[in-house]
Amino acid sequence: MIEMIKVVKAEAVGDHLLHVVFSNGSEGVHDFADIVGEEGPMVEPLRDAAFFARVYLDYGAPSWPNGFDVDAIWLHDAMKALGLLRPAAA
């Protein structure tokens, strides 16, 4: 069974770094440099640090004003696989 995980807080903490807190009580910082380095009209605006910092949550998924979003479960699993998660600070 897949655990339904949402992002409950997202904040840009660097040019392409996003600090996220998940609904399961874990948190960490993910580097989006690989994603923003890809080609395509949806990721190009994210290369600008000011635009990247405009991240907001849409139904528990990190999202940006141009409609680009990141699946919360994918983000959690990717961060877990890389050892980037820790228990959220109280």
PDB file of N, CA and C in Angstrom:
ATOM      1  N   MET A   1       0.843  -1.190   0.000  1.00  0.00           N
ATOM      2  CA  MET A   1       0.000   0.000   0.000  1.00  0.00           C
ATOM      3  C   MET A   1       0.884   1.248   0.000  1.00  0.00           C
ATOM      4  N   ILE A   2       0.550   2.208  -0.824  1.00  0.00           N
ATOM      5  CA  ILE A   2       1.293   3.452  -0.911  1.00  0.00           C
ATOM      6  C   ILE A   2       0.808   4.403   0.168  1.00  0.00           C
ATOM      7  N   GLU A   3       1.765   4.930   0.927  1.00  0.00           N
ATOM      8  CA  GLU A   3       1.430   5.907   1.966  1.00  0.00           C
ATOM      9  C   GLU A   3       1.125   7.246   1.296  1.00  0.00           C
ATOM     10  N   MET A   4      -0.005   7.837   1.634  1.00  0.00           N
ATOM     11  CA  MET A   4      -0.373   9.136   1.070  1.00  0.00           C
ATOM     12  C   MET A   4       0.394  10.222   1.824  1.00  0.00           C
ATOM     13  N   ILE A   5       1.367  10.778   1.173  1.00  0.00           N
ATOM     14  CA  ILE A   5       2.221  11.791   1.775  1.00  0.00           C
ATOM     15  C   ILE A   5       2.001  13.096   1.040  1.00  0.00           C
ATOM     16  N   LYS A   6       1.883  14.160   1.805  1.00  0.00           N
ATOM     17  CA  LYS A   6       1.769  15.498   1.243  1.00  0.00           C
ATOM     18  C   LYS A   6       2.905  16.351   1.795  1.00  0.00           C
ATOM     19  N   VAL A   7       3.218  17.400   1.087  1.00  0.00           N
ATOM     20  CA  VAL A   7       4.139  18.400   1.602  1.00  0.00           C
ATOM     21  C   VAL A   7       3.293  19.400   2.388  1.00  0.00           C
ATOM     22  N   VAL A   8       3.673  19.668   3.632  1.00  0.00           N
ATOM     23  CA  VAL A   8       2.917  20.614   4.449  1.00  0.00           C
ATOM     24  C   VAL A   8       3.611  21.963   4.558  1.00  0.00           C
ATOM     25  N   LYS A   9       4.894  22.012   4.122  1.00  0.00           N
ATOM     26  CA  LYS A   9       5.629  23.276   4.098  1.00  0.00           C
ATOM     27  C   LYS A   9       6.720  23.173   3.045  1.00  0.00           C
ATOM     28  N   ALA A  10       6.880  24.222   2.262  1.00  0.00           N
ATOM     29  CA  ALA A  10       7.933  24.274   1.251  1.00  0.00           C
ATOM     30  C   ALA A  10       8.499  25.687   1.226  1.00  0.00           C
ATOM     31  N   GLU A  11       9.823  25.768   1.230  1.00  0.00           N
ATOM     32  CA  GLU A  11      10.473  27.072   1.229  1.00  0.00           C
ATOM     33  C   GLU A  11      11.786  26.981   0.465  1.00  0.00           C
ATOM     34  N   ALA A  12      11.976  27.901  -0.466  1.00  0.00           N
ATOM     35  CA  ALA A  12      13.246  27.964  -1.187  1.00  0.00           C
ATOM     36  C   ALA A  12      14.317  28.455  -0.217  1.00  0.00           C
ATOM     37  N   VAL A  13      15.430  27.729  -0.178  1.00  0.00           N
ATOM     38  CA  VAL A  13      16.524  28.095   0.734  1.00  0.00           C
ATOM     39  C   VAL A  13      17.831  28.305  -0.026  1.00  0.00           C
ATOM     40  N   GLY A  14      17.750  28.393  -1.325  1.00  0.00           N
ATOM     41  CA  GLY A  14      18.902  28.612  -2.182  1.00  0.00           C
ATOM     42  C   GLY A  14      18.403  28.712  -3.610  1.00  0.00           C
ATOM     43  N   ASP A  15      19.323  28.928  -4.551  1.00  0.00           N
ATOM     44  CA  ASP A  15      18.910  29.105  -5.941  1.00  0.00           C
ATOM     45  C   ASP A  15      17.977  28.003  -6.431  1.00  0.00           C
ATOM     46  N   HIS A  16      18.291  26.767  -6.156  1.00  0.00           N
ATOM     47  CA  HIS A  16      17.444  25.654  -6.583  1.00  0.00           C
ATOM     48  C   HIS A  16      17.270  24.638  -5.474  1.00  0.00           C
ATOM     49  N   LEU A  17      17.383  25.098  -4.247  1.00  0.00           N
ATOM     50  CA  LEU A  17      17.216  24.232  -3.077  1.00  0.00           C
ATOM     51  C   LEU A  17      15.864  24.504  -2.441  1.00  0.00           C
ATOM     52  N   LEU A  18      15.170  23.423  -2.127  1.00  0.00           N
ATOM     53  CA  LEU A  18      13.843  23.537  -1.530  1.00  0.00           C
ATOM     54  C   LEU A  18      13.802  22.743  -0.237  1.00  0.00           C
ATOM     55  N   HIS A  19      13.511  23.449   0.868  1.00  0.00           N
ATOM     56  CA  HIS A  19      13.312  22.772   2.151  1.00  0.00           C
ATOM     57  C   HIS A  19      11.846  22.378   2.229  1.00  0.00           C
ATOM     58  N   VAL A  20      11.597  21.092   2.455  1.00  0.00           N
ATOM     59  CA  VAL A  20      10.224  20.603   2.521  1.00  0.00           C
ATOM     60  C   VAL A  20       9.989  19.843   3.821  1.00  0.00           C
ATOM     61  N   VAL A  21       8.767  19.981   4.329  1.00  0.00           N
ATOM     62  CA  VAL A  21       8.306  19.217   5.484  1.00  0.00           C
ATOM     63  C   VAL A  21       7.127  18.385   4.996  1.00  0.00           C
ATOM     64  N   PHE A  22       7.185  17.082   5.259  1.00  0.00           N
ATOM     65  CA  PHE A  22       6.153  16.165   4.800  1.00  0.00           C
ATOM     66  C   PHE A  22       5.151  15.856   5.908  1.00  0.00           C
ATOM     67  N   SER A  23       3.980  15.405   5.503  1.00  0.00           N
ATOM     68  CA  SER A  23       2.900  15.098   6.438  1.00  0.00           C
ATOM     69  C   SER A  23       3.214  13.911   7.343  1.00  0.00           C
ATOM     70  N   ASN A  24       4.214  13.123   7.015  1.00  0.00           N
ATOM     71  CA  ASN A  24       4.568  11.974   7.860  1.00  0.00           C
ATOM     72  C   ASN A  24       5.612  12.334   8.914  1.00  0.00           C
ATOM     73  N   GLY A  25       5.937  13.625   9.030  1.00  0.00           N
ATOM     74  CA  GLY A  25       6.864  14.067  10.065  1.00  0.00           C
ATOM     75  C   GLY A  25       8.323  14.076   9.661  1.00  0.00           C
ATOM     76  N   SER A  26       8.613  13.940   8.387  1.00  0.00           N
ATOM     77  CA  SER A  26      10.000  14.007   7.934  1.00  0.00           C
ATOM     78  C   SER A  26      10.225  15.319   7.183  1.00  0.00           C
ATOM     79  N   GLU A  27      11.493  15.714   7.081  1.00  0.00           N
ATOM     80  CA  GLU A  27      11.836  16.937   6.373  1.00  0.00           C
ATOM     81  C   GLU A  27      13.227  16.815   5.784  1.00  0.00           C
ATOM     82  N   GLY A  28      13.544  17.720   4.873  1.00  0.00           N
ATOM     83  CA  GLY A  28      14.865  17.751   4.279  1.00  0.00           C
ATOM     84  C   GLY A  28      14.936  18.809   3.199  1.00  0.00           C
ATOM     85  N   VAL A  29      16.116  18.897   2.588  1.00  0.00           N
ATOM     86  CA  VAL A  29      16.359  19.861   1.522  1.00  0.00           C
ATOM     87  C   VAL A  29      16.675  19.087   0.249  1.00  0.00           C
ATOM     88  N   HIS A  30      15.955  19.426  -0.813  1.00  0.00           N
ATOM     89  CA  HIS A  30      16.171  18.779  -2.111  1.00  0.00           C
ATOM     90  C   HIS A  30      16.751  19.798  -3.091  1.00  0.00           C
ATOM     91  N   ASP A  31      17.758  19.365  -3.835  1.00  0.00           N
ATOM     92  CA  ASP A  31      18.384  20.202  -4.858  1.00  0.00           C
ATOM     93  C   ASP A  31      17.697  19.931  -6.197  1.00  0.00           C
ATOM     94  N   PHE A  32      17.091  20.950  -6.760  1.00  0.00           N
ATOM     95  CA  PHE A  32      16.372  20.827  -8.030  1.00  0.00           C
ATOM     96  C   PHE A  32      17.235  21.182  -9.233  1.00  0.00           C
ATOM     97  N   ALA A  33      18.549  21.265  -9.052  1.00  0.00           N
ATOM     98  CA  ALA A  33      19.442  21.656 -10.149  1.00  0.00           C
ATOM     99  C   ALA A  33      19.289  20.745 -11.355  1.00  0.00           C
ATOM    100  N   ASP A  34      19.150  19.439 -11.150  1.00  0.00           N
ATOM    101  CA  ASP A  34      18.993  18.522 -12.283  1.00  0.00           C
ATOM    102  C   ASP A  34      17.708  18.802 -13.054  1.00  0.00           C
ATOM    103  N   ILE A  35      16.637  19.055 -12.332  1.00  0.00           N
ATOM    104  CA  ILE A  35      15.346  19.301 -12.983  1.00  0.00           C
ATOM    105  C   ILE A  35      15.377  20.612 -13.758  1.00  0.00           C
ATOM    106  N   VAL A  36      15.890  21.665 -13.149  1.00  0.00           N
ATOM    107  CA  VAL A  36      15.889  22.957 -13.851  1.00  0.00           C
ATOM    108  C   VAL A  36      16.925  22.989 -14.973  1.00  0.00           C
ATOM    109  N   GLY A  37      17.822  22.030 -14.981  1.00  0.00           N
ATOM    110  CA  GLY A  37      18.794  21.931 -16.064  1.00  0.00           C
ATOM    111  C   GLY A  37      18.246  21.250 -17.303  1.00  0.00           C
ATOM    112  N   GLU A  38      17.061  20.646 -17.186  1.00  0.00           N
ATOM    113  CA  GLU A  38      16.442  19.986 -18.329  1.00  0.00           C
ATOM    114  C   GLU A  38      15.864  21.029 -19.283  1.00  0.00           C
ATOM    115  N   GLU A  39      15.618  20.596 -20.499  1.00  0.00           N
ATOM    116  CA  GLU A  39      15.018  21.481 -21.501  1.00  0.00           C
ATOM    117  C   GLU A  39      13.500  21.467 -21.363  1.00  0.00           C
ATOM    118  N   GLY A  40      12.888  22.548 -21.743  1.00  0.00           N
ATOM    119  CA  GLY A  40      11.435  22.594 -21.791  1.00  0.00           C
ATOM    120  C   GLY A  40      10.878  23.872 -21.222  1.00  0.00           C
ATOM    121  N   PRO A  41       9.730  24.288 -21.744  1.00  0.00           N
ATOM    122  CA  PRO A  41       9.148  25.558 -21.328  1.00  0.00           C
ATOM    123  C   PRO A  41       8.661  25.578 -19.881  1.00  0.00           C
ATOM    124  N   MET A  42       8.369  24.434 -19.301  1.00  0.00           N
ATOM    125  CA  MET A  42       7.875  24.418 -17.922  1.00  0.00           C
ATOM    126  C   MET A  42       9.002  24.614 -16.903  1.00  0.00           C
ATOM    127  N   VAL A  43      10.201  24.133 -17.214  1.00  0.00           N
ATOM    128  CA  VAL A  43      11.291  24.245 -16.242  1.00  0.00           C
ATOM    129  C   VAL A  43      12.146  25.497 -16.444  1.00  0.00           C
ATOM    130  N   GLU A  44      12.101  26.085 -17.618  1.00  0.00           N
ATOM    131  CA  GLU A  44      12.936  27.253 -17.885  1.00  0.00           C
ATOM    132  C   GLU A  44      12.720  28.387 -16.876  1.00  0.00           C
ATOM    133  N   PRO A  45      11.490  28.750 -16.506  1.00  0.00           N
ATOM    134  CA  PRO A  45      11.313  29.825 -15.523  1.00  0.00           C
ATOM    135  C   PRO A  45      11.928  29.505 -14.162  1.00  0.00           C
ATOM    136  N   LEU A  46      12.019  28.223 -13.820  1.00  0.00           N
ATOM    137  CA  LEU A  46      12.561  27.830 -12.519  1.00  0.00           C
ATOM    138  C   LEU A  46      14.054  28.113 -12.397  1.00  0.00           C
ATOM    139  N   ARG A  47      14.708  28.350 -13.505  1.00  0.00           N
ATOM    140  CA  ARG A  47      16.149  28.666 -13.470  1.00  0.00           C
ATOM    141  C   ARG A  47      16.411  30.000 -12.784  1.00  0.00           C
ATOM    142  N   ASP A  48      15.427  30.887 -12.834  1.00  0.00           N
ATOM    143  CA  ASP A  48      15.540  32.182 -12.167  1.00  0.00           C
ATOM    144  C   ASP A  48      15.263  31.991 -10.670  1.00  0.00           C
ATOM    145  N   ALA A  49      16.239  32.351  -9.833  1.00  0.00           N
ATOM    146  CA  ALA A  49      16.124  32.124  -8.388  1.00  0.00           C
ATOM    147  C   ALA A  49      14.888  32.812  -7.797  1.00  0.00           C
ATOM    148  N   ALA A  50      14.562  34.020  -8.280  1.00  0.00           N
ATOM    149  CA  ALA A  50      13.397  34.732  -7.755  1.00  0.00           C
ATOM    150  C   ALA A  50      12.108  33.998  -8.091  1.00  0.00           C
ATOM    151  N   PHE A  51      12.033  33.439  -9.297  1.00  0.00           N
ATOM    152  CA  PHE A  51      10.845  32.673  -9.674  1.00  0.00           C
ATOM    153  C   PHE A  51      10.786  31.377  -8.880  1.00  0.00           C
ATOM    154  N   PHE A  52      11.921  30.695  -8.733  1.00  0.00           N
ATOM    155  CA  PHE A  52      11.960  29.446  -7.967  1.00  0.00           C
ATOM    156  C   PHE A  52      11.469  29.684  -6.540  1.00  0.00           C
ATOM    157  N   ALA A  53      11.804  30.828  -5.975  1.00  0.00           N
ATOM    158  CA  ALA A  53      11.409  31.156  -4.605  1.00  0.00           C
ATOM    159  C   ALA A  53       9.909  31.393  -4.465  1.00  0.00           C
ATOM    160  N   ARG A  54       9.192  31.492  -5.573  1.00  0.00           N
ATOM    161  CA  ARG A  54       7.744  31.715  -5.524  1.00  0.00           C
ATOM    162  C   ARG A  54       6.956  30.407  -5.340  1.00  0.00           C
ATOM    163  N   VAL A  55       7.627  29.373  -4.895  1.00  0.00           N
ATOM    164  CA  VAL A  55       6.990  28.079  -4.659  1.00  0.00           C
ATOM    165  C   VAL A  55       5.827  28.234  -3.675  1.00  0.00           C
ATOM    166  N   TYR A  56       4.779  27.483  -3.908  1.00  0.00           N
ATOM    167  CA  TYR A  56       3.631  27.430  -2.998  1.00  0.00           C
ATOM    168  C   TYR A  56       3.092  26.006  -3.024  1.00  0.00           C
ATOM    169  N   LEU A  57       2.211  25.694  -2.106  1.00  0.00           N
ATOM    170  CA  LEU A  57       1.627  24.351  -2.057  1.00  0.00           C
ATOM    171  C   LEU A  57       0.249  24.349  -2.687  1.00  0.00           C
ATOM    172  N   ASP A  58       0.029  23.383  -3.561  1.00  0.00           N
ATOM    173  CA  ASP A  58      -1.268  23.183  -4.188  1.00  0.00           C
ATOM    174  C   ASP A  58      -1.688  21.741  -3.906  1.00  0.00           C
ATOM    175  N   TYR A  59      -2.609  21.570  -2.993  1.00  0.00           N
ATOM    176  CA  TYR A  59      -3.061  20.237  -2.588  1.00  0.00           C
ATOM    177  C   TYR A  59      -1.892  19.351  -2.154  1.00  0.00           C
ATOM    178  N   GLY A  60      -0.957  19.941  -1.407  1.00  0.00           N
ATOM    179  CA  GLY A  60       0.149  19.175  -0.853  1.00  0.00           C
ATOM    180  C   GLY A  60       1.300  18.923  -1.797  1.00  0.00           C
ATOM    181  N   ALA A  61       1.325  19.587  -2.942  1.00  0.00           N
ATOM    182  CA  ALA A  61       2.410  19.428  -3.911  1.00  0.00           C
ATOM    183  C   ALA A  61       3.119  20.766  -4.115  1.00  0.00           C
ATOM    184  N   PRO A  62       4.453  20.798  -4.062  1.00  0.00           N
ATOM    185  CA  PRO A  62       5.161  22.033  -4.383  1.00  0.00           C
ATOM    186  C   PRO A  62       4.828  22.447  -5.823  1.00  0.00           C
ATOM    187  N   SER A  63       4.451  23.713  -5.988  1.00  0.00           N
ATOM    188  CA  SER A  63       3.986  24.214  -7.281  1.00  0.00           C
ATOM    189  C   SER A  63       4.538  25.612  -7.508  1.00  0.00           C
ATOM    190  N   TRP A  64       4.551  26.011  -8.782  1.00  0.00           N
ATOM    191  CA  TRP A  64       5.030  27.335  -9.151  1.00  0.00           C
ATOM    192  C   TRP A  64       3.980  28.012 -10.020  1.00  0.00           C
ATOM    193  N   PRO A  65       4.033  29.348 -10.122  1.00  0.00           N
ATOM    194  CA  PRO A  65       2.997  30.105 -10.845  1.00  0.00           C
ATOM    195  C   PRO A  65       2.807  29.718 -12.314  1.00  0.00           C
ATOM    196  N   ASN A  66       3.791  29.092 -12.944  1.00  0.00           N
ATOM    197  CA  ASN A  66       3.636  28.715 -14.349  1.00  0.00           C
ATOM    198  C   ASN A  66       2.939  27.366 -14.523  1.00  0.00           C
ATOM    199  N   GLY A  67       2.523  26.734 -13.418  1.00  0.00           N
ATOM    200  CA  GLY A  67       1.816  25.463 -13.491  1.00  0.00           C
ATOM    201  C   GLY A  67       2.689  24.245 -13.260  1.00  0.00           C
ATOM    202  N   PHE A  68       4.009  24.434 -13.130  1.00  0.00           N
ATOM    203  CA  PHE A  68       4.898  23.304 -12.851  1.00  0.00           C
ATOM    204  C   PHE A  68       4.687  22.860 -11.412  1.00  0.00           C
ATOM    205  N   ASP A  69       4.593  21.553 -11.216  1.00  0.00           N
ATOM    206  CA  ASP A  69       4.487  21.034  -9.855  1.00  0.00           C
ATOM    207  C   ASP A  69       5.267  19.736  -9.742  1.00  0.00           C
ATOM    208  N   VAL A  70       5.462  19.310  -8.497  1.00  0.00           N
ATOM    209  CA  VAL A  70       6.224  18.101  -8.205  1.00  0.00           C
ATOM    210  C   VAL A  70       5.356  17.201  -7.336  1.00  0.00           C
ATOM    211  N   ASP A  71       5.232  15.955  -7.744  1.00  0.00           N
ATOM    212  CA  ASP A  71       4.462  14.991  -6.976  1.00  0.00           C
ATOM    213  C   ASP A  71       5.111  14.780  -5.611  1.00  0.00           C
ATOM    214  N   ALA A  72       4.337  14.937  -4.553  1.00  0.00           N
ATOM    215  CA  ALA A  72       4.873  14.841  -3.194  1.00  0.00           C
ATOM    216  C   ALA A  72       5.422  13.451  -2.882  1.00  0.00           C
ATOM    217  N   ILE A  73       4.763  12.412  -3.332  1.00  0.00           N
ATOM    218  CA  ILE A  73       5.237  11.052  -3.053  1.00  0.00           C
ATOM    219  C   ILE A  73       6.543  10.792  -3.794  1.00  0.00           C
ATOM    220  N   TRP A  74       6.631  11.232  -5.055  1.00  0.00           N
ATOM    221  CA  TRP A  74       7.880  11.084  -5.795  1.00  0.00           C
ATOM    222  C   TRP A  74       9.014  11.815  -5.087  1.00  0.00           C
ATOM    223  N   LEU A  75       8.743  13.057  -4.653  1.00  0.00           N
ATOM    224  CA  LEU A  75       9.760  13.859  -3.979  1.00  0.00           C
ATOM    225  C   LEU A  75      10.208  13.183  -2.692  1.00  0.00           C
ATOM    226  N   HIS A  76       9.256  12.694  -1.907  1.00  0.00           N
ATOM    227  CA  HIS A  76       9.590  12.005  -0.656  1.00  0.00           C
ATOM    228  C   HIS A  76      10.449  10.776  -0.935  1.00  0.00           C
ATOM    229  N   ASP A  77      10.029   9.956  -1.889  1.00  0.00           N
ATOM    230  CA  ASP A  77      10.766   8.729  -2.196  1.00  0.00           C
ATOM    231  C   ASP A  77      12.170   9.025  -2.720  1.00  0.00           C
ATOM    232  N   ALA A  78      12.295  10.053  -3.551  1.00  0.00           N
ATOM    233  CA  ALA A  78      13.611  10.429  -4.075  1.00  0.00           C
ATOM    234  C   ALA A  78      14.521  10.912  -2.956  1.00  0.00           C
ATOM    235  N   MET A  79      13.990  11.725  -2.074  1.00  0.00           N
ATOM    236  CA  MET A  79      14.793  12.229  -0.955  1.00  0.00           C
ATOM    237  C   MET A  79      15.163  11.117   0.009  1.00  0.00           C
ATOM    238  N   LYS A  80      14.233  10.188   0.233  1.00  0.00           N
ATOM    239  CA  LYS A  80      14.516   9.057   1.113  1.00  0.00           C
ATOM    240  C   LYS A  80      15.632   8.194   0.533  1.00  0.00           C
ATOM    241  N   ALA A  81      15.573   7.925  -0.767  1.00  0.00           N
ATOM    242  CA  ALA A  81      16.580   7.104  -1.427  1.00  0.00           C
ATOM    243  C   ALA A  81      17.968   7.742  -1.358  1.00  0.00           C
ATOM    244  N   LEU A  82      18.004   9.068  -1.354  1.00  0.00           N
ATOM    245  CA  LEU A  82      19.279   9.789  -1.289  1.00  0.00           C
ATOM    246  C   LEU A  82      19.738  10.051   0.141  1.00  0.00           C
ATOM    247  N   GLY A  83      18.938   9.629   1.112  1.00  0.00           N
ATOM    248  CA  GLY A  83      19.296   9.844   2.517  1.00  0.00           C
ATOM    249  C   GLY A  83      19.170  11.291   2.955  1.00  0.00           C
ATOM    250  N   LEU A  84      18.244  12.019   2.350  1.00  0.00           N
ATOM    251  CA  LEU A  84      18.091  13.446   2.634  1.00  0.00           C
ATOM    252  C   LEU A  84      17.016  13.769   3.669  1.00  0.00           C
ATOM    253  N   LEU A  85      16.337  12.752   4.176  1.00  0.00           N
ATOM    254  CA  LEU A  85      15.233  12.998   5.117  1.00  0.00           C
ATOM    255  C   LEU A  85      15.688  12.794   6.560  1.00  0.00           C
ATOM    256  N   ARG A  86      15.082  13.554   7.442  1.00  0.00           N
ATOM    257  CA  ARG A  86      15.297  13.415   8.882  1.00  0.00           C
ATOM    258  C   ARG A  86      13.970  13.743   9.575  1.00  0.00           C
ATOM    259  N   PRO A  87      13.833  13.375  10.848  1.00  0.00           N
ATOM    260  CA  PRO A  87      12.607  13.745  11.543  1.00  0.00           C
ATOM    261  C   PRO A  87      12.480  15.275  11.592  1.00  0.00           C
ATOM    262  N   ALA A  88      11.275  15.772  11.368  1.00  0.00           N
ATOM    263  CA  ALA A  88      11.051  17.224  11.381  1.00  0.00           C
ATOM    264  C   ALA A  88      11.289  17.772  12.769  1.00  0.00           C
ATOM    265  N   ALA A  89      11.860  18.978  12.824  1.00  0.00           N
ATOM    266  CA  ALA A  89      12.084  19.650  14.101  1.00  0.00           C
ATOM    267  C   ALA A  89      10.732  19.979  14.718  1.00  0.00           C
ATOM    268  N   ALA A  90      10.664  19.843  16.022  1.00  0.00           N
ATOM    269  CA  ALA A  90       9.401  20.097  16.720  1.00  0.00           C
ATOM    270  C   ALA A  90       9.084  21.564  16.792  1.00  0.00           C
TER     271      ALA A  90
END
